[in-house]
């Protein structure tokens, strides 16, 4: 499976300011260390609506997809 990391990085740019700030920190801190499987999970998560992702990151909505829980944890780090 070939993952286009540049495309995934671009998809991390979000319209919701709070989420965009979270992803900016995440990209600087963690993105380059992700495995291909983790990038694939992130790519899948990024298909969700910004408000759903933000709700999972801020804890107001539970993450119900086990594969995404690691990414949500990384996004929550300050």
Protein backbone atom coordinates (compact mmCIF):
# COMPACT_ATOMS: atom_id res chain seq x y z
CA UNK A 1 0.00 0.00 0.00
CA UNK A 2 1.47 3.31 -1.07
CA UNK A 3 0.48 6.37 0.95
CA UNK A 4 0.93 9.84 -0.48
CA UNK A 5 2.16 11.64 2.64
CA UNK A 6 2.14 15.00 0.90
CA UNK A 7 -1.55 14.64 0.08
CA UNK A 8 -2.36 13.59 3.64
CA UNK A 9 -0.37 16.54 5.00
CA UNK A 10 -2.37 18.86 2.72
CA UNK A 11 -5.65 17.30 3.90
CA UNK A 12 -4.70 18.25 7.47
CA UNK A 13 -5.41 21.87 6.56
CA UNK A 14 -8.87 22.42 8.01
CA UNK A 15 -11.47 25.18 7.72
CA UNK A 16 -12.25 25.11 11.44
CA UNK A 17 -9.63 27.35 13.08
CA UNK A 18 -9.34 25.38 16.34
CA UNK A 19 -8.82 22.16 14.42
CA UNK A 20 -6.37 23.77 12.01
CA UNK A 21 -4.26 24.88 15.00
CA UNK A 22 -4.33 21.35 16.44
CA UNK A 23 -3.24 19.86 13.12
CA UNK A 24 -0.49 22.47 12.67
CA UNK A 25 1.08 21.41 15.99
CA UNK A 26 0.55 17.74 15.15
CA UNK A 27 2.26 18.09 11.76
CA UNK A 28 5.27 19.83 13.30
CA UNK A 29 5.59 17.40 16.20
CA UNK A 30 4.43 13.95 15.05
CA UNK A 31 3.69 13.60 11.35
CA UNK A 32 7.15 12.68 10.10
CA UNK A 33 7.40 9.84 12.65
CA UNK A 34 4.13 8.13 11.65
CA UNK A 35 4.19 4.67 10.12
CA UNK A 36 2.41 4.03 6.83
CA UNK A 37 -0.42 2.31 8.75
CA UNK A 38 -0.81 5.35 11.01
CA UNK A 39 -0.89 7.67 8.00
CA UNK A 40 -3.58 5.46 6.43
CA UNK A 41 -5.63 5.71 9.65
CA UNK A 42 -5.17 9.48 9.65
CA UNK A 43 -6.23 9.70 6.02
CA UNK A 44 -9.42 7.81 6.87
CA UNK A 45 -10.09 10.06 9.89
CA UNK A 46 -9.64 13.16 7.72
CA UNK A 47 -12.67 12.12 5.64
CA UNK A 48 -14.85 13.05 8.63
CA UNK A 49 -16.49 16.42 9.03
CA UNK A 50 -14.35 19.02 10.85
CA UNK A 51 -16.89 19.35 13.65
CA UNK A 52 -16.89 15.58 14.24
CA UNK A 53 -13.07 15.48 14.37
CA UNK A 54 -13.02 18.50 16.69
CA UNK A 55 -15.58 16.86 18.99
CA UNK A 56 -13.40 13.73 19.22
CA UNK A 57 -10.27 15.80 19.87
CA UNK A 58 -11.88 17.96 22.57
CA UNK A 59 -13.54 14.95 24.19
CA UNK A 60 -17.17 15.98 23.73
CA UNK A 61 -17.71 12.96 21.46
CA UNK A 62 -16.26 9.49 21.91
CA UNK A 63 -14.06 8.10 19.17
CA UNK A 64 -15.89 4.92 18.17
CA UNK A 65 -13.37 3.71 15.57
CA UNK A 66 -10.55 1.83 17.31
CA UNK A 67 -8.05 2.54 14.50
CA UNK A 68 -8.48 6.30 15.01
CA UNK A 69 -8.00 6.35 18.78
CA UNK A 70 -4.21 6.57 18.53
CA UNK A 71 -4.47 9.54 16.13
CA UNK A 72 -6.99 11.28 18.37
CA UNK A 73 -4.58 10.79 21.29
CA UNK A 74 -1.74 12.36 19.31
CA UNK A 75 -3.95 15.26 18.26
CA UNK A 76 -4.94 15.89 21.90
CA UNK A 77 -1.33 16.35 23.02
CA UNK A 78 -0.41 19.94 23.69
